[in-house]
Amino acid sequence: MVGTLINAGTILAGSLLGVTIGSRLSEKMRDTALQGLGLVTVLVGLQMALETKNILIVLGAILTGSILGEILRIDDALKKLGALLQSALSRGSKGNTARNISEGFVMASLVFCVGPMAILGSIQDGLTGDYRTLAVKSMLDGFASIAFSASLGWGISLSALSVLIYQGGLTLFAGIFAKVLTDPMIAEMTATGGLIIVGIGLKLLDLKELRLANFLPALAMAPLLVALVPFIRSFF
């Protein structure tokens, strides 16, 4: 769990620094910075998405995962959680402030939890105690949290809780996940996660309002579909 604790700590520290910097910037400067973040986020997402070896798996994962997410109303639940945390930690802030904190929490949670470093680093930490991969991820997330929180506020810091739960769970059950997840499964999870991150970029650029959290089940559907491909081919 050492790597995950370091990761959460860098996100908190980066968020604090980012909020301090952001408070000194004009609204136009924050908007421009947010647009820059949106462009970079789209680029990162596309790079991840292009790692797919079978676009049909990504398509199937996105479609089935989004339907499941809509049924479970994951996006609504996470937004309510963000608003609840905002209400508990910052009483008196309402309206757009609450909305920004909630959205910052959801978007940052997706960015920091989606990707191969989170999966592989957490499993590596759990199996061998080697947290070097998560240490590198922590540095990257720390800088990203500075940029995000400068524009989106301290809701970004709440994503440290998501990192603790997600990566901590992977670390604690590393033995199971290491046996189940193959390299092709991780590659398709990464590609599927990349498309979700592209959606975050579109949202930051204010091009399209997406219920991003409802796509989260797609991350579980991707490795499942990879596992089912040989079984399906056996019938043809």
C-alpha atoms as a PDB file:
ATOM      1  CA  MET A   1       0.000   0.000   0.000  1.00  0.00           C
ATOM      2  CA  VAL A   2       3.041   2.293   0.218  1.00  0.00           C
ATOM      3  CA  GLY A   3       2.850   3.261  -3.454  1.00  0.00           C
ATOM      4  CA  THR A   4      -0.848   4.078  -3.238  1.00  0.00           C
ATOM      5  CA  LEU A   5      -0.345   6.201  -0.117  1.00  0.00           C
ATOM      6  CA  ILE A   6       2.424   8.134  -1.875  1.00  0.00           C
ATOM      7  CA  ASN A   7       0.164   8.587  -4.898  1.00  0.00           C
ATOM      8  CA  ALA A   8      -2.705   9.947  -2.811  1.00  0.00           C
ATOM      9  CA  GLY A   9      -0.309  12.247  -0.977  1.00  0.00           C
ATOM     10  CA  THR A  10       1.089  13.782  -4.169  1.00  0.00           C
ATOM     11  CA  ILE A  11      -2.440  14.414  -5.453  1.00  0.00           C
ATOM     12  CA  LEU A  12      -3.345  16.220  -2.238  1.00  0.00           C
ATOM     13  CA  ALA A  13      -0.133  18.256  -2.282  1.00  0.00           C
ATOM     14  CA  GLY A  14      -0.490  19.101  -5.972  1.00  0.00           C
ATOM     15  CA  SER A  15      -4.117  20.124  -5.480  1.00  0.00           C
ATOM     16  CA  LEU A  16      -3.203  22.451  -2.626  1.00  0.00           C
ATOM     17  CA  LEU A  17      -0.498  24.089  -4.731  1.00  0.00           C
ATOM     18  CA  GLY A  18      -2.793  24.297  -7.763  1.00  0.00           C
ATOM     19  CA  VAL A  19      -5.613  25.958  -5.821  1.00  0.00           C
ATOM     20  CA  THR A  20      -3.125  28.489  -4.447  1.00  0.00           C
ATOM     21  CA  ILE A  21      -1.863  29.288  -7.939  1.00  0.00           C
ATOM     22  CA  GLY A  22      -5.345  29.300  -9.454  1.00  0.00           C
ATOM     23  CA  SER A  23      -6.646  31.841  -6.966  1.00  0.00           C
ATOM     24  CA  ARG A  24      -4.086  34.318  -8.310  1.00  0.00           C
ATOM     25  CA  LEU A  25      -5.168  33.919 -11.941  1.00  0.00           C
ATOM     26  CA  SER A  26      -7.903  35.853 -13.712  1.00  0.00           C
ATOM     27  CA  GLU A  27     -10.997  34.042 -14.964  1.00  0.00           C
ATOM     28  CA  LYS A  28      -9.830  34.369 -18.575  1.00  0.00           C
ATOM     29  CA  MET A  29      -6.453  32.863 -17.724  1.00  0.00           C
ATOM     30  CA  ARG A  30      -8.125  29.955 -15.900  1.00  0.00           C
ATOM     31  CA  ASP A  31     -10.427  29.360 -18.878  1.00  0.00           C
ATOM     32  CA  THR A  32      -7.495  29.355 -21.294  1.00  0.00           C
ATOM     33  CA  ALA A  33      -5.538  26.997 -19.049  1.00  0.00           C
ATOM     34  CA  LEU A  34      -8.575  24.692 -18.868  1.00  0.00           C
ATOM     35  CA  GLN A  35      -8.796  24.621 -22.655  1.00  0.00           C
ATOM     36  CA  GLY A  36      -5.109  23.734 -22.825  1.00  0.00           C
ATOM     37  CA  LEU A  37      -5.713  20.905 -20.377  1.00  0.00           C
ATOM     38  CA  GLY A  38      -8.576  19.732 -22.558  1.00  0.00           C
ATOM     39  CA  LEU A  39      -6.370  19.565 -25.645  1.00  0.00           C
ATOM     40  CA  VAL A  40      -3.626  17.644 -23.817  1.00  0.00           C
ATOM     41  CA  THR A  41      -6.192  15.301 -22.270  1.00  0.00           C
ATOM     42  CA  VAL A  42      -7.591  14.463 -25.711  1.00  0.00           C
ATOM     43  CA  LEU A  43      -4.045  13.714 -26.944  1.00  0.00           C
ATOM     44  CA  VAL A  44      -3.282  11.444 -23.978  1.00  0.00           C
ATOM     45  CA  GLY A  45      -6.584   9.624 -24.417  1.00  0.00           C
ATOM     46  CA  LEU A  46      -5.981   9.065 -28.137  1.00  0.00           C
ATOM     47  CA  GLN A  47      -2.497   7.675 -27.454  1.00  0.00           C
ATOM     48  CA  MET A  48      -3.968   5.197 -24.992  1.00  0.00           C
ATOM     49  CA  ALA A  49      -6.888   4.292 -27.278  1.00  0.00           C
ATOM     50  CA  LEU A  50      -4.531   3.500 -30.161  1.00  0.00           C
ATOM     51  CA  GLU A  51      -2.973   0.700 -28.089  1.00  0.00           C
ATOM     52  CA  THR A  52      -5.918  -1.535 -28.963  1.00  0.00           C
ATOM     53  CA  LYS A  53      -5.243  -4.665 -31.008  1.00  0.00           C
ATOM     54  CA  ASN A  54      -8.912  -5.239 -31.751  1.00  0.00           C
ATOM     55  CA  ILE A  55     -11.175  -2.224 -32.127  1.00  0.00           C
ATOM     56  CA  LEU A  56     -14.256  -4.466 -31.960  1.00  0.00           C
ATOM     57  CA  ILE A  57     -13.417  -5.331 -28.354  1.00  0.00           C
ATOM     58  CA  VAL A  58     -13.198  -1.651 -27.461  1.00  0.00           C
ATOM     59  CA  LEU A  59     -16.472  -0.997 -29.281  1.00  0.00           C
ATOM     60  CA  GLY A  60     -18.197  -3.879 -27.499  1.00  0.00           C
ATOM     61  CA  ALA A  61     -16.807  -2.808 -24.131  1.00  0.00           C
ATOM     62  CA  ILE A  62     -17.923   0.808 -24.570  1.00  0.00           C
ATOM     63  CA  LEU A  63     -21.426  -0.144 -25.719  1.00  0.00           C
ATOM     64  CA  THR A  64     -22.139  -2.814 -23.104  1.00  0.00           C
ATOM     65  CA  GLY A  65     -20.355  -0.893 -20.356  1.00  0.00           C
ATOM     66  CA  SER A  66     -22.235   2.345 -21.018  1.00  0.00           C
ATOM     67  CA  ILE A  67     -25.583   0.543 -21.002  1.00  0.00           C
ATOM     68  CA  LEU A  68     -24.717  -1.080 -17.683  1.00  0.00           C
ATOM     69  CA  GLY A  69     -23.518   2.261 -16.330  1.00  0.00           C
ATOM     70  CA  GLU A  70     -26.786   3.928 -17.306  1.00  0.00           C
ATOM     71  CA  ILE A  71     -28.773   1.159 -15.623  1.00  0.00           C
ATOM     72  CA  LEU A  72     -26.697   1.515 -12.441  1.00  0.00           C
ATOM     73  CA  ARG A  73     -26.672   5.348 -12.725  1.00  0.00           C
ATOM     74  CA  ILE A  74     -23.019   5.466 -11.713  1.00  0.00           C
ATOM     75  CA  ASP A  75     -22.509   9.039 -12.895  1.00  0.00           C
ATOM     76  CA  ASP A  76     -25.390  10.315 -10.753  1.00  0.00           C
ATOM     77  CA  ALA A  77     -24.071   8.396  -7.735  1.00  0.00           C
ATOM     78  CA  LEU A  78     -20.538   9.810  -8.076  1.00  0.00           C
ATOM     79  CA  LYS A  79     -21.826  13.351  -8.545  1.00  0.00           C
ATOM     80  CA  LYS A  80     -23.948  12.984  -5.425  1.00  0.00           C
ATOM     81  CA  LEU A  81     -20.911  11.679  -3.555  1.00  0.00           C
ATOM     82  CA  GLY A  82     -18.858  14.651  -4.736  1.00  0.00           C
ATOM     83  CA  ALA A  83     -21.595  17.068  -3.694  1.00  0.00           C
ATOM     84  CA  LEU A  84     -21.865  15.317  -0.324  1.00  0.00           C
ATOM     85  CA  LEU A  85     -18.132  15.605   0.272  1.00  0.00           C
ATOM     86  CA  GLN A  86     -18.220  19.243  -0.791  1.00  0.00           C
ATOM     87  CA  SER A  87     -21.107  19.946   1.571  1.00  0.00           C
ATOM     88  CA  ALA A  88     -19.317  18.263   4.464  1.00  0.00           C
ATOM     89  CA  LEU A  89     -15.955  19.921   3.893  1.00  0.00           C
ATOM     90  CA  SER A  90     -17.026  23.360   2.698  1.00  0.00           C
ATOM     91  CA  ARG A  91     -20.327  24.374   4.208  1.00  0.00           C
ATOM     92  CA  GLY A  92     -21.805  27.503   2.743  1.00  0.00           C
ATOM     93  CA  SER A  93     -20.556  26.973  -0.821  1.00  0.00           C
ATOM     94  CA  LYS A  94     -23.463  26.438  -3.182  1.00  0.00           C
ATOM     95  CA  GLY A  95     -24.489  26.586  -6.802  1.00  0.00           C
ATOM     96  CA  ASN A  96     -21.633  26.584  -9.306  1.00  0.00           C
ATOM     97  CA  THR A  97     -19.010  26.029  -6.609  1.00  0.00           C
ATOM     98  CA  ALA A  98     -20.619  22.764  -5.535  1.00  0.00           C
ATOM     99  CA  ARG A  99     -21.009  21.741  -9.162  1.00  0.00           C
ATOM    100  CA  ASN A 100     -17.355  22.479  -9.960  1.00  0.00           C
ATOM    101  CA  ILE A 101     -16.143  20.513  -6.946  1.00  0.00           C
ATOM    102  CA  SER A 102     -18.325  17.556  -7.849  1.00  0.00           C
ATOM    103  CA  GLU A 103     -17.232  17.590 -11.502  1.00  0.00           C
ATOM    104  CA  GLY A 104     -13.589  18.031 -10.533  1.00  0.00           C
ATOM    105  CA  PHE A 105     -13.819  14.993  -8.261  1.00  0.00           C
ATOM    106  CA  VAL A 106     -15.384  12.812 -10.980  1.00  0.00           C
ATOM    107  CA  MET A 107     -13.048  13.874 -13.797  1.00  0.00           C
ATOM    108  CA  ALA A 108      -9.858  13.649 -11.752  1.00  0.00           C
ATOM    109  CA  SER A 109     -10.870  10.249 -10.380  1.00  0.00           C
ATOM    110  CA  LEU A 110     -11.223   8.959 -13.925  1.00  0.00           C
ATOM    111  CA  VAL A 111      -7.909  10.431 -15.077  1.00  0.00           C
ATOM    112  CA  PHE A 112      -5.898   9.169 -12.099  1.00  0.00           C
ATOM    113  CA  CYS A 113      -7.454   5.687 -11.946  1.00  0.00           C
ATOM    114  CA  VAL A 114      -7.595   4.797 -15.647  1.00  0.00           C
ATOM    115  CA  GLY A 115      -4.403   3.512 -17.213  1.00  0.00           C
ATOM    116  CA  PRO A 116      -1.887   0.664 -17.145  1.00  0.00           C
ATOM    117  CA  MET A 117       0.378   2.222 -14.514  1.00  0.00           C
ATOM    118  CA  ALA A 118      -2.428   2.186 -11.951  1.00  0.00           C
ATOM    119  CA  ILE A 119      -3.149  -1.491 -12.637  1.00  0.00           C
ATOM    120  CA  LEU A 120       0.354  -2.863 -13.096  1.00  0.00           C
ATOM    121  CA  GLY A 121       1.908  -0.669 -10.413  1.00  0.00           C
ATOM    122  CA  SER A 122      -0.663  -1.658  -7.809  1.00  0.00           C
ATOM    123  CA  ILE A 123      -0.324  -5.379  -8.578  1.00  0.00           C
ATOM    124  CA  GLN A 124       3.466  -5.109  -8.499  1.00  0.00           C
ATOM    125  CA  ASP A 125       3.309  -3.331  -5.140  1.00  0.00           C
ATOM    126  CA  GLY A 126       1.023  -5.995  -3.722  1.00  0.00           C
ATOM    127  CA  LEU A 127       3.015  -8.983  -4.962  1.00  0.00           C
ATOM    128  CA  THR A 128       6.601  -7.847  -4.369  1.00  0.00           C
ATOM    129  CA  GLY A 129       6.415  -4.613  -2.375  1.00  0.00           C
ATOM    130  CA  ASP A 130       8.099  -2.802  -5.272  1.00  0.00           C
ATOM    131  CA  TYR A 131       6.281   0.527  -5.626  1.00  0.00           C
ATOM    132  CA  ARG A 132       8.606   2.195  -8.118  1.00  0.00           C
ATOM    133  CA  THR A 133       5.973   2.199 -10.881  1.00  0.00           C
ATOM    134  CA  LEU A 134       3.474   3.873  -8.575  1.00  0.00           C
ATOM    135  CA  ALA A 135       6.162   6.324  -7.473  1.00  0.00           C
ATOM    136  CA  VAL A 136       6.589   7.442 -11.087  1.00  0.00           C
ATOM    137  CA  LYS A 137       2.803   7.628 -11.484  1.00  0.00           C
ATOM    138  CA  SER A 138       2.659   9.685  -8.288  1.00  0.00           C
ATOM    139  CA  MET A 139       4.984  12.293  -9.775  1.00  0.00           C
ATOM    140  CA  LEU A 140       2.905  12.505 -12.955  1.00  0.00           C
ATOM    141  CA  ASP A 141      -0.372  12.715 -11.006  1.00  0.00           C
ATOM    142  CA  GLY A 142       1.100  15.352  -8.719  1.00  0.00           C
ATOM    143  CA  PHE A 143       1.898  17.662 -11.628  1.00  0.00           C
ATOM    144  CA  ALA A 144      -1.450  16.906 -13.270  1.00  0.00           C
ATOM    145  CA  SER A 145      -3.320  17.733 -10.052  1.00  0.00           C
ATOM    146  CA  ILE A 146      -1.579  21.122  -9.937  1.00  0.00           C
ATOM    147  CA  ALA A 147      -2.803  21.932 -13.441  1.00  0.00           C
ATOM    148  CA  PHE A 148      -6.316  20.589 -12.905  1.00  0.00           C
ATOM    149  CA  SER A 149      -6.908  22.185  -9.517  1.00  0.00           C
ATOM    150  CA  ALA A 150      -5.639  25.571 -10.736  1.00  0.00           C
ATOM    151  CA  SER A 151      -8.643  25.643 -13.072  1.00  0.00           C
ATOM    152  CA  LEU A 152     -11.198  23.335 -11.444  1.00  0.00           C
ATOM    153  CA  GLY A 153     -10.569  24.005  -7.748  1.00  0.00           C
ATOM    154  CA  TRP A 154      -9.979  21.767  -4.766  1.00  0.00           C
ATOM    155  CA  GLY A 155     -12.510  19.146  -5.877  1.00  0.00           C
ATOM    156  CA  ILE A 156      -9.486  17.556  -7.557  1.00  0.00           C
ATOM    157  CA  SER A 157      -8.065  16.700  -4.128  1.00  0.00           C
ATOM    158  CA  LEU A 158     -11.083  14.481  -3.408  1.00  0.00           C
ATOM    159  CA  SER A 159      -9.893  12.116  -6.138  1.00  0.00           C
ATOM    160  CA  ALA A 160      -7.192  10.991  -3.707  1.00  0.00           C
ATOM    161  CA  LEU A 161      -9.963   8.988  -2.045  1.00  0.00           C
ATOM    162  CA  SER A 162     -10.746   7.249  -5.342  1.00  0.00           C
ATOM    163  CA  VAL A 163      -7.075   6.404  -5.800  1.00  0.00           C
ATOM    164  CA  LEU A 164      -6.870   4.967  -2.292  1.00  0.00           C
ATOM    165  CA  ILE A 165      -9.897   2.725  -2.854  1.00  0.00           C
ATOM    166  CA  TYR A 166      -9.109   1.635  -6.427  1.00  0.00           C
ATOM    167  CA  GLN A 167      -5.352   1.148  -6.254  1.00  0.00           C
ATOM    168  CA  GLY A 168      -5.508  -0.044  -2.676  1.00  0.00           C
ATOM    169  CA  GLY A 169      -7.991  -2.735  -3.709  1.00  0.00           C
ATOM    170  CA  LEU A 170      -5.757  -3.842  -6.568  1.00  0.00           C
ATOM    171  CA  THR A 171      -2.789  -4.019  -4.203  1.00  0.00           C
ATOM    172  CA  LEU A 172      -4.602  -5.997  -1.515  1.00  0.00           C
ATOM    173  CA  PHE A 173      -5.944  -8.531  -4.047  1.00  0.00           C
ATOM    174  CA  ALA A 174      -2.861  -8.446  -6.295  1.00  0.00           C
ATOM    175  CA  GLY A 175      -2.448 -12.225  -6.308  1.00  0.00           C
ATOM    176  CA  ILE A 176      -5.897 -12.734  -7.798  1.00  0.00           C
ATOM    177  CA  PHE A 177      -5.653  -9.975 -10.398  1.00  0.00           C
ATOM    178  CA  ALA A 178      -2.164 -11.070 -11.493  1.00  0.00           C
ATOM    179  CA  LYS A 179      -3.522 -14.523 -12.343  1.00  0.00           C
ATOM    180  CA  VAL A 180      -6.612 -13.216 -14.121  1.00  0.00           C
ATOM    181  CA  LEU A 181      -5.374 -10.210 -16.139  1.00  0.00           C
ATOM    182  CA  THR A 182      -3.257 -11.024 -19.190  1.00  0.00           C
ATOM    183  CA  ASP A 183      -1.270  -8.534 -21.291  1.00  0.00           C
ATOM    184  CA  PRO A 184      -3.967  -8.444 -24.033  1.00  0.00           C
ATOM    185  CA  MET A 185      -6.620  -7.779 -21.376  1.00  0.00           C
ATOM    186  CA  ILE A 186      -4.631  -4.877 -19.935  1.00  0.00           C
ATOM    187  CA  ALA A 187      -4.016  -3.492 -23.443  1.00  0.00           C
ATOM    188  CA  GLU A 188      -7.739  -3.422 -24.239  1.00  0.00           C
ATOM    189  CA  MET A 189      -8.556  -1.972 -20.807  1.00  0.00           C
ATOM    190  CA  THR A 190      -6.023   0.768 -21.508  1.00  0.00           C
ATOM    191  CA  ALA A 191      -7.497   1.473 -24.941  1.00  0.00           C
ATOM    192  CA  THR A 192     -11.035   1.566 -23.543  1.00  0.00           C
ATOM    193  CA  GLY A 193      -9.897   3.858 -20.748  1.00  0.00           C
ATOM    194  CA  GLY A 194      -8.240   6.054 -23.351  1.00  0.00           C
ATOM    195  CA  LEU A 195     -11.572   6.665 -25.060  1.00  0.00           C
ATOM    196  CA  ILE A 196     -13.091   7.646 -21.724  1.00  0.00           C
ATOM    197  CA  ILE A 197     -10.229  10.108 -21.217  1.00  0.00           C
ATOM    198  CA  VAL A 198     -10.914  11.557 -24.692  1.00  0.00           C
ATOM    199  CA  GLY A 199     -14.439  12.178 -23.395  1.00  0.00           C
ATOM    200  CA  ILE A 200     -12.949  14.069 -20.454  1.00  0.00           C
ATOM    201  CA  GLY A 201     -11.004  16.233 -22.912  1.00  0.00           C
ATOM    202  CA  LEU A 202     -14.175  16.997 -24.874  1.00  0.00           C
ATOM    203  CA  LYS A 203     -15.878  17.991 -21.649  1.00  0.00           C
ATOM    204  CA  LEU A 204     -13.001  20.242 -20.599  1.00  0.00           C
ATOM    205  CA  LEU A 205     -13.163  21.912 -24.013  1.00  0.00           C
ATOM    206  CA  ASP A 206     -16.902  22.404 -23.455  1.00  0.00           C
ATOM    207  CA  LEU A 207     -17.636  20.603 -26.724  1.00  0.00           C
ATOM    208  CA  LYS A 208     -19.887  17.874 -25.360  1.00  0.00           C
ATOM    209  CA  GLU A 209     -21.469  17.106 -21.993  1.00  0.00           C
ATOM    210  CA  LEU A 210     -20.923  13.409 -21.308  1.00  0.00           C
ATOM    211  CA  ARG A 211     -21.982  11.214 -18.379  1.00  0.00           C
ATOM    212  CA  LEU A 212     -18.446   9.897 -18.207  1.00  0.00           C
ATOM    213  CA  ALA A 213     -18.718   7.788 -15.065  1.00  0.00           C
ATOM    214  CA  ASN A 214     -21.406   5.671 -16.731  1.00  0.00           C
ATOM    215  CA  PHE A 215     -18.695   4.356 -19.053  1.00  0.00           C
ATOM    216  CA  LEU A 216     -16.676   2.899 -16.155  1.00  0.00           C
ATOM    217  CA  PRO A 217     -18.140  -0.632 -16.471  1.00  0.00           C
ATOM    218  CA  ALA A 218     -16.512  -0.715 -19.913  1.00  0.00           C
ATOM    219  CA  LEU A 219     -13.162  -1.136 -18.158  1.00  0.00           C
ATOM    220  CA  ALA A 220     -14.385  -4.438 -16.723  1.00  0.00           C
ATOM    221  CA  MET A 221     -16.109  -5.486 -19.949  1.00  0.00           C
ATOM    222  CA  ALA A 222     -12.911  -5.115 -22.032  1.00  0.00           C
ATOM    223  CA  PRO A 223     -10.934  -7.965 -20.368  1.00  0.00           C
ATOM    224  CA  LEU A 224     -14.093 -10.064 -20.202  1.00  0.00           C
ATOM    225  CA  LEU A 225     -14.570  -9.742 -23.953  1.00  0.00           C
ATOM    226  CA  VAL A 226     -10.895 -10.594 -24.526  1.00  0.00           C
ATOM    227  CA  ALA A 227     -11.411 -13.780 -22.527  1.00  0.00           C
ATOM    228  CA  LEU A 228     -14.556 -14.631 -24.506  1.00  0.00           C
ATOM    229  CA  VAL A 229     -12.976 -14.228 -27.970  1.00  0.00           C
ATOM    230  CA  PRO A 230     -11.268 -17.683 -28.057  1.00  0.00           C
ATOM    231  CA  PHE A 231     -14.466 -19.276 -26.772  1.00  0.00           C
ATOM    232  CA  ILE A 232     -16.539 -17.597 -29.499  1.00  0.00           C
ATOM    233  CA  ARG A 233     -14.030 -18.503 -32.230  1.00  0.00           C
ATOM    234  CA  SER A 234     -14.251 -22.167 -31.238  1.00  0.00           C
ATOM    235  CA  PHE A 235     -17.787 -22.238 -32.655  1.00  0.00           C
ATOM    236  CA  PHE A 236     -16.657 -21.084 -36.111  1.00  0.00           C
END
